[in-house]
N, C-alpha and C. Protein backbone atom coordinates (compact mmCIF):
# COMPACT_ATOMS: atom_id res chain seq x y z
N MET A 1 123.40 38.64 88.39
CA MET A 1 123.67 39.89 89.36
C MET A 1 122.99 40.93 88.78
N LYS A 2 122.04 41.75 89.79
CA LYS A 2 121.27 42.99 89.13
C LYS A 2 122.38 44.30 89.03
N VAL A 3 122.13 44.86 88.00
CA VAL A 3 123.34 46.36 87.62
C VAL A 3 122.11 47.32 87.80
N ARG A 4 122.66 48.39 88.72
CA ARG A 4 121.64 49.60 88.78
C ARG A 4 122.93 50.67 88.21
N PHE A 5 122.15 51.79 87.84
CA PHE A 5 123.14 52.83 87.41
C PHE A 5 122.93 53.99 88.31
N SER A 6 123.83 54.99 88.49
CA SER A 6 123.79 55.93 89.45
C SER A 6 123.31 57.08 88.22
N GLU A 7 122.86 58.44 89.03
CA GLU A 7 122.39 59.07 87.96
C GLU A 7 123.74 59.74 87.23
N LYS A 8 124.65 59.91 87.46
CA LYS A 8 125.90 60.21 86.97
C LYS A 8 125.99 59.29 85.83
N ALA A 9 126.14 58.17 85.97
CA ALA A 9 126.19 57.06 84.94
C ALA A 9 125.34 57.12 83.72
N ILE A 10 124.13 57.51 84.45
CA ILE A 10 122.90 57.40 83.06
C ILE A 10 123.39 59.00 82.56
N ALA A 11 123.45 59.75 83.38
CA ALA A 11 123.77 61.17 82.42
C ALA A 11 124.98 60.85 81.54
N ASP A 12 126.33 60.34 81.86
CA ASP A 12 127.20 59.82 81.08
C ASP A 12 126.90 58.76 79.94
N LEU A 13 126.03 58.22 80.14
CA LEU A 13 125.77 57.44 78.99
C LEU A 13 124.76 58.21 77.92
N ASP A 14 123.81 58.98 78.27
CA ASP A 14 123.38 59.69 77.57
C ASP A 14 124.16 60.67 76.97
N GLY A 15 125.02 61.31 77.55
CA GLY A 15 125.86 62.15 76.79
C GLY A 15 126.77 61.36 75.62
N ILE A 16 127.37 60.17 76.01
CA ILE A 16 128.02 59.76 74.91
C ILE A 16 127.15 59.29 73.68
N ILE A 17 125.77 59.08 73.91
CA ILE A 17 124.67 58.76 72.87
C ILE A 17 124.71 60.33 72.27
N GLN A 18 124.59 61.21 72.95
CA GLN A 18 124.24 62.60 72.04
C GLN A 18 125.64 62.99 71.22
N TRP A 19 126.82 62.80 71.97
CA TRP A 19 127.83 63.22 71.39
C TRP A 19 128.08 62.49 69.75
N TYR A 20 127.97 61.06 69.95
CA TYR A 20 128.10 60.40 68.97
C TYR A 20 126.97 60.20 67.76
N ASN A 21 125.71 60.63 68.53
CA ASN A 21 124.71 60.92 67.16
C ASN A 21 124.99 62.01 66.69
N GLY A 22 125.58 62.95 67.23
CA GLY A 22 126.18 64.49 66.66
C GLY A 22 127.29 64.04 65.48
N ILE A 23 128.11 63.44 65.95
CA ILE A 23 129.38 63.43 65.18
C ILE A 23 129.56 62.19 63.95
N ALA A 24 128.82 61.11 64.60
CA ALA A 24 129.08 59.84 63.77
C ALA A 24 127.81 59.08 63.94
N PRO A 25 126.63 59.06 63.67
CA PRO A 25 125.27 58.59 64.22
C PRO A 25 125.18 57.38 63.89
N GLU A 26 125.94 56.82 62.84
CA GLU A 26 125.97 55.01 62.35
C GLU A 26 126.79 54.38 63.25
N SER A 27 127.63 55.15 64.03
CA SER A 27 128.63 54.38 65.42
C SER A 27 127.97 54.26 66.50
N THR A 28 126.75 55.26 66.93
CA THR A 28 126.09 55.15 68.34
C THR A 28 125.64 53.63 68.33
N PRO A 29 125.04 52.81 67.55
CA PRO A 29 124.63 51.39 68.22
C PRO A 29 125.80 50.52 68.48
N ARG A 30 126.83 50.68 67.48
CA ARG A 30 127.87 49.70 67.94
C ARG A 30 128.75 50.46 69.45
N ILE A 31 128.62 51.52 69.48
CA ILE A 31 129.17 52.05 70.87
C ILE A 31 128.42 51.69 72.18
N VAL A 32 127.00 51.56 71.85
CA VAL A 32 126.19 51.07 72.81
C VAL A 32 126.41 49.87 72.99
N ALA A 33 126.40 48.85 72.17
CA ALA A 33 126.53 47.53 72.30
C ALA A 33 127.63 47.20 72.85
N ASP A 34 128.92 47.86 72.69
CA ASP A 34 129.92 47.81 73.21
C ASP A 34 130.11 47.96 74.64
N ILE A 35 129.31 48.78 75.34
CA ILE A 35 129.18 48.97 76.42
C ILE A 35 128.06 48.18 77.28
N GLU A 36 127.40 47.68 76.65
CA GLU A 36 125.97 46.77 77.10
C GLU A 36 126.88 45.43 77.18
N ARG A 37 127.62 44.91 76.14
CA ARG A 37 128.31 43.68 76.41
C ARG A 37 129.35 43.77 77.48
N ALA A 38 130.08 44.77 77.97
CA ALA A 38 130.77 44.75 78.98
C ALA A 38 130.25 45.13 80.32
N ILE A 39 128.96 45.47 80.19
CA ILE A 39 128.19 45.53 81.55
C ILE A 39 127.40 44.01 81.65
N ASP A 40 127.05 43.38 80.49
CA ASP A 40 126.84 41.99 80.60
C ASP A 40 127.68 41.11 81.21
N ARG A 41 129.22 41.07 80.88
CA ARG A 41 130.27 40.55 81.18
C ARG A 41 130.02 40.75 82.87
N LEU A 42 129.90 42.11 83.24
CA LEU A 42 129.72 42.22 85.07
C LEU A 42 128.85 41.47 85.41
N ARG A 43 127.82 40.91 85.12
CA ARG A 43 126.79 40.63 85.70
C ARG A 43 126.88 39.19 85.90
N VAL A 44 127.76 38.45 85.40
CA VAL A 44 128.49 37.37 85.40
C VAL A 44 129.46 37.19 86.09
N PHE A 45 130.51 38.04 85.94
CA PHE A 45 131.94 38.22 86.63
C PHE A 45 131.98 39.50 87.33
N PRO A 46 131.43 39.75 87.97
CA PRO A 46 131.47 41.13 88.93
C PRO A 46 132.99 41.58 89.49
N SER A 47 133.46 40.61 89.58
CA SER A 47 134.84 40.90 90.27
C SER A 47 136.26 40.91 89.28
N SER A 48 135.67 40.65 87.97
CA SER A 48 136.69 40.89 86.83
C SER A 48 137.21 41.98 86.39
N GLY A 49 136.48 43.25 87.15
CA GLY A 49 137.25 44.31 86.89
C GLY A 49 138.48 44.94 87.72
N GLN A 50 139.49 45.77 87.16
CA GLN A 50 140.35 46.31 88.17
C GLN A 50 139.94 46.97 89.41
N ALA A 51 140.72 46.71 90.63
CA ALA A 51 140.68 47.70 91.66
C ALA A 51 141.27 48.80 91.08
N THR A 52 140.53 49.95 91.70
CA THR A 52 141.20 51.66 91.33
C THR A 52 142.20 52.29 92.16
N GLY A 53 141.93 51.36 93.50
CA GLY A 53 142.82 52.19 94.70
C GLY A 53 142.02 53.36 95.41
N HIS A 54 140.78 53.22 95.07
CA HIS A 54 140.05 54.41 95.47
C HIS A 54 138.74 53.66 96.23
N GLY A 55 138.93 53.01 97.23
CA GLY A 55 137.81 52.50 98.15
C GLY A 55 137.45 51.41 97.65
N ASP A 56 136.40 51.04 97.51
CA ASP A 56 135.77 49.83 96.85
C ASP A 56 135.66 50.01 95.23
N LEU A 57 135.96 50.79 94.45
CA LEU A 57 135.72 51.06 93.45
C LEU A 57 136.37 50.27 92.40
N ARG A 58 135.92 49.85 91.22
CA ARG A 58 136.59 48.96 90.43
C ARG A 58 136.37 49.60 88.98
N ARG A 59 137.00 48.80 88.07
CA ARG A 59 136.92 49.51 86.51
C ARG A 59 137.20 48.52 85.40
N ILE A 60 136.33 48.67 84.42
CA ILE A 60 136.82 47.70 83.21
C ILE A 60 136.51 48.44 82.15
N VAL A 61 137.16 48.33 80.92
CA VAL A 61 137.40 49.12 79.81
C VAL A 61 136.62 48.10 78.70
N THR A 62 135.79 48.79 77.92
CA THR A 62 135.04 48.24 77.02
C THR A 62 136.08 47.52 75.82
N LEU A 63 135.87 46.68 75.03
CA LEU A 63 136.79 46.15 74.44
C LEU A 63 137.08 46.67 72.90
N ARG A 64 136.09 47.14 72.36
CA ARG A 64 136.01 47.68 71.26
C ARG A 64 136.35 49.41 70.91
N TYR A 65 135.48 49.87 72.10
CA TYR A 65 135.71 51.50 71.87
C TYR A 65 136.41 51.94 73.09
N HIS A 66 136.77 51.22 74.03
CA HIS A 66 137.81 51.98 75.23
C HIS A 66 137.10 52.79 76.17
N PHE A 67 135.79 52.27 76.55
CA PHE A 67 135.20 53.12 77.28
C PHE A 67 135.57 52.73 78.72
N LYS A 68 135.48 53.44 79.75
CA LYS A 68 135.92 53.10 81.29
C LYS A 68 134.60 52.92 81.68
N ILE A 69 134.28 51.70 82.50
CA ILE A 69 132.76 51.93 83.06
C ILE A 69 133.60 51.87 84.80
N VAL A 70 133.47 52.71 85.87
CA VAL A 70 133.61 52.48 86.94
C VAL A 70 132.25 52.19 87.79
N TYR A 71 132.52 51.13 88.38
CA TYR A 71 131.58 50.52 89.52
C TYR A 71 131.72 50.00 90.76
N ARG A 72 130.91 49.49 91.60
CA ARG A 72 131.05 49.28 92.98
C ARG A 72 129.81 48.24 93.22
N ILE A 73 130.72 47.12 93.76
CA ILE A 73 129.94 45.76 93.96
C ILE A 73 129.33 45.68 95.23
N LYS A 74 127.91 45.68 95.53
CA LYS A 74 127.24 45.38 96.66
C LYS A 74 126.79 43.98 96.69
N PRO A 75 126.15 44.15 97.86
CA PRO A 75 125.73 42.56 97.76
C PRO A 75 124.45 42.12 96.87
N ARG A 76 124.34 41.36 96.08
CA ARG A 76 123.37 40.80 94.91
C ARG A 76 122.82 42.16 93.91
N GLN A 77 124.01 43.27 93.59
CA GLN A 77 123.93 43.88 93.03
C GLN A 77 125.18 44.77 92.52
N ILE A 78 125.33 45.38 91.26
CA ILE A 78 126.55 46.11 90.82
C ILE A 78 125.81 47.51 90.56
N ILE A 79 126.68 48.55 91.06
CA ILE A 79 126.36 49.89 90.77
C ILE A 79 127.21 50.42 89.74
N VAL A 80 126.75 50.90 88.73
CA VAL A 80 127.79 51.63 87.80
C VAL A 80 127.45 52.86 88.26
N ILE A 81 128.88 53.52 88.67
CA ILE A 81 129.16 55.17 88.80
C ILE A 81 129.35 56.02 87.46
N GLY A 82 130.03 55.52 86.76
CA GLY A 82 130.16 56.38 85.63
C GLY A 82 130.83 55.57 84.35
N ILE A 83 130.41 56.35 83.28
CA ILE A 83 131.21 55.66 82.00
C ILE A 83 131.38 56.91 80.98
N PHE A 84 132.85 56.68 80.91
CA PHE A 84 133.30 57.72 79.96
C PHE A 84 134.52 57.34 79.27
N ARG A 85 135.10 57.94 77.95
CA ARG A 85 136.34 57.54 77.30
C ARG A 85 137.46 57.29 78.32
N HIS A 86 138.41 56.46 77.94
CA HIS A 86 139.21 55.96 78.81
C HIS A 86 140.05 57.07 79.01
N GLN A 87 140.38 57.73 78.11
CA GLN A 87 141.64 59.06 78.50
C GLN A 87 140.81 60.58 78.72
N ASN A 88 139.43 60.65 78.84
CA ASN A 88 139.19 61.55 79.08
C ASN A 88 139.04 61.86 80.95
N ARG A 89 139.30 60.93 82.00
CA ARG A 89 139.10 61.25 83.19
C ARG A 89 140.20 60.22 83.64
N LYS A 90 140.74 60.77 84.79
CA LYS A 90 141.74 60.11 85.94
C LYS A 90 140.64 59.41 86.85
N GLN A 91 141.08 57.84 87.01
CA GLN A 91 140.40 57.40 87.94
C GLN A 91 141.17 56.13 88.29
């Protein structure tokens, strides 16, 4: 299944990369890989995320660094709405 990123999700990922490059640049590649692995799982198992109770939004949490990925399933595609640290936002 194809994955598209909203502008907000792209900005979230850029912010994550910038933040970790500033405080722990050696961790940035592992963090990005953790996020990519979760998104790859969604390509294969799009309904594996938990319903949020907010319309058709779903979420998954990355295994290693606990980033939350909020997404929506559409015909033949997944739209990633946002990516953030699990404890930083309510969703």
